[in-house]
Amino acid sequence: MPEYNLSPELIRAALTTVKYPGFSRDIVSFGLIKNIAISEAGGVTVDLIIESKNSDVPRYIYEGVMGVVKELQGVTSIDVNIDHHAPEAKKGSNDDPAAWKSSIAGVKNVIAVASGKGGVGKSTVSANLAVALSKLGYRVGLLDLDIYGPSMSLMFHTKERPGCNDKEEFIPVESHGVKLLSMGLLIEEDSPVAVRGPLATRYVQQFLRNTDWGGLDFLLLDLPPGTGDIQLTVVQTVDITGALIVTTPQEVALIDARKAVGLFQRVETPILGIVENMSHFVCPSDGQVYHIFGQGGGEREAEALGVPLLGKIPLDIDTRSGGDTGSPVALKDTADSMVSAAFQALARELAETLKA
């Protein structure tokens, strides 16, 4: 049996690569490692103590420790023990979960763009809204948090790799006047992101906390569809200004949109409004309007929720082709494109709502 120089010091050094969720510092420098033991047979035991009100933190750290230690030569088994408890509330402190969230440095407004299901054009809305806000003169960033299906590199026609500053923070790329960060810029186009939920949320935390946005009026978070781990990580740890819910007029889309609304309401994140995408189609030959996915669904949902219907985005070929070629339709002159005009109107409504 080969001999390996397995030691507590070696393991501790390896654990410096495990970052505390939401921070650039590692779990060793935070003093979370209480003991490391190694058996003669190569079994490793790591004892940690974690004080956090966020019950997800121990899970993230557990996955990180397991992932690092199992790669060390000579390790035959791993036992990670975590003593987790919430810090004692200090007199006069705020024990409201909303107070545990933190802002993103240099960003005035963080807007979550969400939908309860895929296929409603949420990423198309995010991309074109970002461009429309930029055309109004705002400093805009777009963070593509669909880790498994990133599309913004295609929609913005860029393969440029994000840079890195001396603080080891990402430096976003810039395209069409928008600062952009996406997993699609870090991997090859045909490479799948085959990671489990905890690792995906670690990527999300890295993007959220370790990026130098350089000062923004708006940062749009293009969330994946649904209400899974990534959405929960965002709403539990980030001070979000508000959420935009994207849907189509179709009832099957509205049912899932309500689930997204429920997630944000549960953590007391304001719903800024509804965006009804693919609202209608205007026939270019005769100007007749066709409501392909139904009519009035966005209005009814907005009224039921007591929030505004911020925009109704028509369906047209230019929107699809612009997304495929990396030239968002919002770049077009509003006089030449009713869809571009609709996105400009949405951008103005959002800015007015936030008094930006």
Protein backbone atom coordinates (compact mmCIF):
# COMPACT_ATOMS: atom_id res chain seq x y z
CA MET A 1 0.00 0.00 0.00
CA PRO A 2 1.59 3.33 -1.00
CA GLU A 3 2.45 5.90 1.65
CA TYR A 4 1.16 9.41 1.42
CA ASN A 5 2.23 12.50 3.33
CA LEU A 6 -1.27 13.06 4.64
CA SER A 7 -1.25 15.46 7.58
CA PRO A 8 -3.62 17.88 9.34
CA GLU A 9 -1.51 20.74 7.97
CA LEU A 10 -1.94 19.49 4.40
CA ILE A 11 -5.68 19.15 4.85
CA ARG A 12 -5.95 22.57 6.47
CA ALA A 13 -4.05 24.10 3.53
CA ALA A 14 -6.41 22.40 1.09
CA LEU A 15 -9.43 23.75 2.99
CA THR A 16 -8.27 27.31 2.37
CA THR A 17 -9.80 26.89 -1.10
CA VAL A 18 -13.29 26.55 0.42
CA LYS A 19 -14.84 30.02 0.59
CA TYR A 20 -17.48 31.03 3.10
CA PRO A 21 -20.71 31.55 1.08
CA GLY A 22 -21.01 35.17 0.02
CA PHE A 23 -17.44 36.11 0.99
CA SER A 24 -14.02 36.03 -0.63
CA ARG A 25 -12.45 34.74 2.61
CA ASP A 26 -12.06 31.02 3.24
CA ILE A 27 -13.37 28.89 6.10
CA VAL A 28 -9.90 28.49 7.62
CA SER A 29 -9.25 32.23 7.92
CA PHE A 30 -12.72 32.59 9.45
CA GLY A 31 -11.65 30.15 12.18
CA LEU A 32 -14.33 27.56 11.46
CA ILE A 33 -11.98 24.54 11.60
CA LYS A 34 -11.87 23.20 15.18
CA ASN A 35 -10.13 19.89 14.65
CA ILE A 36 -8.66 17.67 11.95
CA ALA A 37 -7.92 14.02 12.69
CA ILE A 38 -6.43 11.29 10.50
CA SER A 39 -6.64 7.59 11.24
CA GLU A 40 -3.88 5.11 10.39
CA ALA A 41 -6.08 3.75 7.59
CA GLY A 42 -6.44 7.19 5.97
CA GLY A 43 -9.82 8.15 7.38
CA VAL A 44 -10.15 11.92 7.75
CA THR A 45 -12.39 13.64 10.29
CA VAL A 46 -12.97 17.40 10.08
CA ASP A 47 -14.82 19.18 12.88
CA LEU A 48 -16.24 22.65 12.24
CA ILE A 49 -18.29 25.14 14.18
CA ILE A 50 -20.52 27.56 12.29
CA GLU A 51 -22.58 30.45 13.60
CA SER A 52 -25.11 31.56 11.04
CA LYS A 53 -28.80 32.35 10.88
CA ASN A 54 -28.85 31.00 7.32
CA SER A 55 -29.51 27.25 7.48
CA ASP A 56 -28.12 26.82 3.95
CA VAL A 57 -24.59 27.87 4.97
CA PRO A 58 -23.62 24.59 6.70
CA ARG A 59 -24.78 22.62 3.66
CA TYR A 60 -22.67 24.72 1.28
CA ILE A 61 -19.61 24.36 3.49
CA TYR A 62 -20.15 20.62 3.97
CA GLU A 63 -20.23 20.08 0.21
CA GLY A 64 -17.13 22.24 -0.21
CA VAL A 65 -15.12 20.39 2.44
CA MET A 66 -16.13 16.98 1.08
CA GLY A 67 -15.24 17.99 -2.45
CA VAL A 68 -11.76 19.21 -1.50
CA VAL A 69 -10.72 16.46 0.92
CA LYS A 70 -11.78 13.57 -1.33
CA GLU A 71 -9.29 14.78 -3.96
CA LEU A 72 -6.32 14.36 -1.60
CA GLN A 73 -4.22 11.25 -2.15
CA GLY A 74 -4.37 8.74 0.66
CA VAL A 75 -7.84 9.65 1.92
CA THR A 76 -9.94 6.49 2.31
CA SER A 77 -12.98 7.98 4.05
CA ILE A 78 -14.25 11.40 5.13
CA ASP A 79 -16.31 12.40 8.14
CA VAL A 80 -17.36 16.05 8.33
CA ASN A 81 -18.96 17.11 11.61
CA ILE A 82 -20.57 20.54 11.80
CA ASP A 83 -21.69 22.16 15.03
CA HIS A 84 -24.18 24.71 13.68
CA HIS A 85 -26.10 27.23 15.73
CA ALA A 86 -27.52 30.68 15.19
CA PRO A 87 -25.60 33.51 16.86
CA GLU A 88 -27.19 34.85 19.99
CA ALA A 89 -29.26 37.96 19.36
CA LYS A 90 -27.67 41.00 20.94
CA LYS A 91 -29.75 43.50 22.81
CA GLY A 92 -31.19 46.00 20.37
CA SER A 93 -30.26 43.92 17.33
CA ASN A 94 -32.66 43.28 14.48
CA ASP A 95 -33.65 39.62 14.28
CA ASP A 96 -35.69 40.16 11.13
CA PRO A 97 -34.45 37.77 8.38
CA ALA A 98 -34.61 40.67 5.91
CA ALA A 99 -31.83 42.33 7.91
CA TRP A 100 -29.48 39.40 7.22
CA LYS A 101 -29.33 40.22 3.52
CA SER A 102 -26.54 42.34 2.14
CA SER A 103 -26.31 44.70 -0.79
CA ILE A 104 -24.05 44.30 -3.81
CA ALA A 105 -21.19 46.79 -3.72
CA GLY A 106 -21.54 49.71 -6.11
CA VAL A 107 -25.06 48.82 -7.29
CA LYS A 108 -28.02 51.14 -6.64
CA ASN A 109 -30.86 48.87 -7.77
CA VAL A 110 -30.80 45.08 -7.95
CA ILE A 111 -33.70 43.78 -10.04
CA ALA A 112 -34.58 40.09 -10.15
CA VAL A 113 -36.17 39.02 -13.43
CA ALA A 114 -38.07 35.81 -12.77
CA SER A 115 -40.65 33.42 -14.11
CA GLY A 116 -42.26 30.32 -12.72
CA LYS A 117 -41.58 28.30 -15.87
CA GLY A 118 -39.32 28.20 -18.87
CA GLY A 119 -40.27 29.18 -22.37
CA VAL A 120 -41.88 32.54 -21.60
CA GLY A 121 -38.95 34.60 -22.89
CA LYS A 122 -37.55 35.73 -19.54
CA SER A 123 -33.96 35.93 -20.79
CA THR A 124 -35.09 37.80 -23.91
CA VAL A 125 -36.86 40.31 -21.68
CA SER A 126 -33.79 40.62 -19.41
CA ALA A 127 -31.42 41.22 -22.32
CA ASN A 128 -33.59 43.77 -24.09
CA LEU A 129 -34.58 45.58 -20.90
CA ALA A 130 -30.88 45.94 -20.04
CA VAL A 131 -30.17 47.42 -23.48
CA ALA A 132 -33.19 49.74 -23.26
CA LEU A 133 -32.11 51.04 -19.84
CA SER A 134 -28.61 51.62 -21.18
CA LYS A 135 -30.03 53.60 -24.13
CA LEU A 136 -31.81 55.82 -21.59
CA GLY A 137 -28.42 56.71 -20.14
CA TYR A 138 -28.31 54.43 -17.11
CA ARG A 139 -25.30 52.35 -16.09
CA VAL A 140 -26.53 48.78 -16.43
CA GLY A 141 -25.24 45.32 -15.61
CA LEU A 142 -26.74 41.94 -16.41
CA LEU A 143 -25.91 38.83 -14.40
CA ASP A 144 -26.99 35.57 -16.04
CA LEU A 145 -27.74 33.23 -13.14
CA ASP A 146 -29.10 30.40 -15.24
CA ILE A 147 -26.05 28.27 -14.42
CA TYR A 148 -27.27 25.20 -16.31
CA GLY A 149 -28.56 26.99 -19.40
CA PRO A 150 -26.70 30.30 -19.83
CA SER A 151 -27.74 32.17 -22.97
CA MET A 152 -26.54 35.75 -22.60
CA SER A 153 -23.22 35.20 -24.37
CA LEU A 154 -25.22 34.30 -27.49
CA MET A 155 -27.77 37.08 -27.04
CA PHE A 156 -24.98 39.66 -26.74
CA HIS A 157 -22.73 38.05 -29.36
CA THR A 158 -19.63 37.84 -27.21
CA LYS A 159 -17.21 35.11 -26.23
CA GLU A 160 -14.86 37.43 -24.37
CA ARG A 161 -13.69 36.00 -21.07
CA PRO A 162 -14.34 38.06 -17.93
CA GLY A 163 -11.21 39.60 -16.47
CA CYS A 164 -9.91 39.50 -12.90
CA ASN A 165 -8.62 42.33 -10.72
CA ASP A 166 -6.00 42.25 -7.98
CA LYS A 167 -8.72 41.38 -5.43
CA GLU A 168 -9.51 38.22 -7.43
CA GLU A 169 -12.88 39.66 -8.42
CA PHE A 170 -14.51 39.09 -11.80
CA ILE A 171 -14.46 42.03 -14.20
CA PRO A 172 -17.55 41.78 -16.43
CA VAL A 173 -17.31 42.08 -20.20
CA GLU A 174 -19.20 44.87 -21.94
CA SER A 175 -21.46 44.51 -24.95
CA HIS A 176 -24.10 46.87 -26.39
CA GLY A 177 -23.51 49.25 -23.48
CA VAL A 178 -24.26 46.58 -20.84
CA LYS A 179 -21.80 45.01 -18.39
CA LEU A 180 -22.29 41.27 -18.61
CA LEU A 181 -21.34 38.20 -16.58
CA SER A 182 -22.51 34.70 -17.45
CA MET A 183 -21.39 31.12 -17.01
CA GLY A 184 -21.61 30.99 -20.80
CA LEU A 185 -18.53 33.23 -20.93
CA LEU A 186 -16.51 30.84 -18.77
CA ILE A 187 -17.15 27.54 -20.53
CA GLU A 188 -17.07 26.25 -24.07
CA GLU A 189 -20.34 26.54 -25.98
CA ASP A 190 -20.96 22.77 -26.12
CA SER A 191 -19.80 22.04 -22.56
CA PRO A 192 -22.56 21.09 -20.10
CA VAL A 193 -22.51 22.47 -16.56
CA ALA A 194 -22.91 19.12 -14.80
CA VAL A 195 -22.91 20.10 -11.11
CA ARG A 196 -25.24 19.42 -8.22
CA GLY A 197 -27.32 22.13 -6.55
CA PRO A 198 -24.88 23.08 -3.76
CA LEU A 199 -22.03 23.68 -6.21
CA ALA A 200 -24.32 25.66 -8.50
CA THR A 201 -25.23 27.92 -5.60
CA ARG A 202 -21.53 28.39 -4.83
CA TYR A 203 -21.05 29.66 -8.39
CA VAL A 204 -23.97 32.03 -7.85
CA GLN A 205 -22.43 33.39 -4.65
CA GLN A 206 -19.12 33.92 -6.42
CA PHE A 207 -20.83 35.87 -9.19
CA LEU A 208 -22.85 37.94 -6.73
CA ARG A 209 -20.13 38.73 -4.21
CA ASN A 210 -16.86 38.60 -6.13
CA THR A 211 -17.58 40.85 -9.10
CA ASP A 212 -16.36 44.39 -9.62
CA TRP A 213 -19.33 46.06 -11.34
CA GLY A 214 -17.64 49.47 -11.26
CA GLY A 215 -20.80 51.33 -10.19
CA LEU A 216 -24.25 50.64 -11.63
CA ASP A 217 -27.69 52.20 -11.58
CA PHE A 218 -29.30 48.84 -12.35
CA LEU A 219 -28.12 45.26 -12.04
CA LEU A 220 -30.57 42.82 -13.62
CA LEU A 221 -30.44 39.25 -12.31
CA ASP A 222 -31.67 36.87 -14.98
CA LEU A 223 -32.84 34.00 -12.77
CA PRO A 224 -33.41 30.46 -14.01
CA PRO A 225 -37.05 29.38 -14.27
CA GLY A 226 -38.74 27.87 -11.24
CA THR A 227 -38.18 28.26 -7.49
CA GLY A 228 -35.14 26.08 -6.76
CA ASP A 229 -31.79 26.38 -4.97
CA ILE A 230 -30.45 29.28 -7.03
CA GLN A 231 -33.54 31.42 -6.53
CA LEU A 232 -33.54 30.66 -2.80
CA THR A 233 -29.86 31.60 -2.51
CA VAL A 234 -30.52 34.94 -4.17
CA VAL A 235 -33.63 35.94 -2.22
CA GLN A 236 -32.16 34.85 1.13
CA THR A 237 -28.79 36.58 0.84
CA VAL A 238 -29.15 39.58 -1.50
CA ASP A 239 -30.88 42.85 -0.74
CA ILE A 240 -33.08 42.94 -3.85
CA THR A 241 -34.76 46.20 -4.80
CA GLY A 242 -37.64 44.32 -6.38
CA ALA A 243 -38.68 41.60 -8.80
CA LEU A 244 -40.14 41.64 -12.29
CA ILE A 245 -42.31 38.64 -13.12
CA VAL A 246 -42.31 37.62 -16.79
CA THR A 247 -45.24 35.64 -18.16
CA THR A 248 -47.27 35.14 -21.30
CA PRO A 249 -51.05 35.71 -21.35
CA GLN A 250 -51.58 31.95 -21.34
CA GLU A 251 -53.09 30.48 -18.15
CA VAL A 252 -50.55 27.65 -17.99
CA ALA A 253 -47.79 30.29 -17.74
CA LEU A 254 -49.72 32.39 -15.23
CA ILE A 255 -50.12 29.41 -12.88
CA ASP A 256 -46.34 29.09 -12.60
CA ALA A 257 -45.83 32.85 -12.47
CA ARG A 258 -47.86 32.84 -9.24
CA LYS A 259 -45.34 30.42 -7.73
CA ALA A 260 -42.51 32.83 -8.49
CA VAL A 261 -44.54 35.65 -6.94
CA GLY A 262 -45.11 33.52 -3.85
CA LEU A 263 -41.38 32.96 -3.40
CA PHE A 264 -40.62 36.68 -3.39
CA GLN A 265 -43.58 37.50 -1.15
CA ARG A 266 -42.42 34.91 1.38
CA VAL A 267 -39.15 36.80 1.87
CA GLU A 268 -40.82 40.22 1.64
CA THR A 269 -39.21 41.20 -1.66
CA PRO A 270 -41.33 43.80 -3.48
CA ILE A 271 -42.96 42.76 -6.75
CA LEU A 272 -42.36 45.73 -9.03
CA GLY A 273 -44.75 44.50 -11.68
CA ILE A 274 -45.73 42.02 -14.36
CA VAL A 275 -44.26 41.92 -17.86
CA GLU A 276 -46.52 40.21 -20.38
CA ASN A 277 -44.24 38.82 -23.07
CA MET A 278 -45.45 37.54 -26.44
CA SER A 279 -48.57 39.56 -25.72
CA HIS A 280 -49.82 39.63 -29.30
CA PHE A 281 -48.72 39.38 -32.91
CA VAL A 282 -49.29 42.13 -35.47
CA CYS A 283 -49.46 40.77 -39.02
CA PRO A 284 -47.00 42.82 -41.12
CA SER A 285 -49.13 42.54 -44.27
CA ASP A 286 -52.42 43.91 -42.98
CA GLY A 287 -51.79 45.11 -39.42
CA GLN A 288 -54.30 42.71 -37.91
CA VAL A 289 -53.64 41.77 -34.27
CA TYR A 290 -53.60 38.10 -33.27
CA HIS A 291 -53.60 37.02 -29.61
CA ILE A 292 -51.78 33.75 -30.11
CA PHE A 293 -51.34 32.96 -26.41
CA GLY A 294 -54.65 34.40 -25.21
CA GLN A 295 -55.64 37.88 -24.19
CA GLY A 296 -55.77 39.83 -20.96
CA GLY A 297 -53.92 37.35 -18.76
CA GLY A 298 -51.27 39.83 -17.70
CA GLU A 299 -53.81 42.49 -16.78
CA ARG A 300 -55.88 40.08 -14.71
CA GLU A 301 -52.84 38.74 -12.88
CA ALA A 302 -51.48 42.21 -12.14
CA GLU A 303 -54.86 43.28 -10.80
CA ALA A 304 -55.14 40.18 -8.62
CA LEU A 305 -51.68 40.82 -7.15
CA GLY A 306 -52.22 44.55 -6.77
CA VAL A 307 -49.12 45.36 -8.84
CA PRO A 308 -48.77 47.24 -12.13
CA LEU A 309 -48.58 45.68 -15.55
CA LEU A 310 -45.32 47.36 -16.51
CA GLY A 311 -45.16 46.24 -20.11
CA LYS A 312 -46.75 44.25 -22.92
CA ILE A 313 -44.15 42.99 -25.38
CA PRO A 314 -45.37 41.96 -28.86
CA LEU A 315 -44.22 38.80 -30.60
CA ASP A 316 -42.26 39.28 -33.81
CA ILE A 317 -39.54 37.70 -35.94
CA ASP A 318 -36.94 40.41 -35.30
CA THR A 319 -36.96 39.64 -31.57
CA ARG A 320 -36.17 35.99 -32.22
CA SER A 321 -33.57 36.64 -34.90
CA GLY A 322 -31.91 39.38 -32.83
CA GLY A 323 -31.55 36.97 -29.90
CA ASP A 324 -29.98 34.34 -32.15
CA THR A 325 -27.51 36.73 -33.77
CA GLY A 326 -26.52 38.70 -30.67
CA SER A 327 -28.25 41.91 -31.70
CA PRO A 328 -31.10 42.55 -29.21
CA VAL A 329 -34.16 44.08 -30.82
CA ALA A 330 -34.04 46.96 -28.30
CA LEU A 331 -31.03 48.30 -30.21
CA LYS A 332 -33.33 49.23 -33.09
CA ASP A 333 -34.79 52.71 -33.46
CA THR A 334 -38.17 52.81 -31.75
CA ALA A 335 -39.70 54.30 -34.89
CA ASP A 336 -38.69 51.20 -36.84
CA SER A 337 -39.67 48.52 -34.32
CA MET A 338 -42.78 48.30 -32.15
CA VAL A 339 -40.98 45.75 -29.97
CA SER A 340 -38.05 48.10 -29.38
CA ALA A 341 -40.57 50.82 -28.52
CA ALA A 342 -42.26 48.45 -26.06
CA PHE A 343 -38.96 47.73 -24.31
CA GLN A 344 -38.16 51.45 -24.14
CA ALA A 345 -41.57 52.02 -22.55
CA LEU A 346 -40.91 49.19 -20.07
CA ALA A 347 -37.51 50.69 -19.17
CA ARG A 348 -39.09 54.10 -18.54
CA GLU A 349 -41.85 52.57 -16.43
CA LEU A 350 -39.31 50.68 -14.32
CA ALA A 351 -37.12 53.76 -13.85
CA GLU A 352 -40.16 55.84 -12.90
CA THR A 353 -41.36 53.20 -10.45
CA LEU A 354 -37.99 53.30 -8.69
CA LYS A 355 -37.55 57.06 -9.13
CA ALA A 356 -34.16 56.31 -10.66
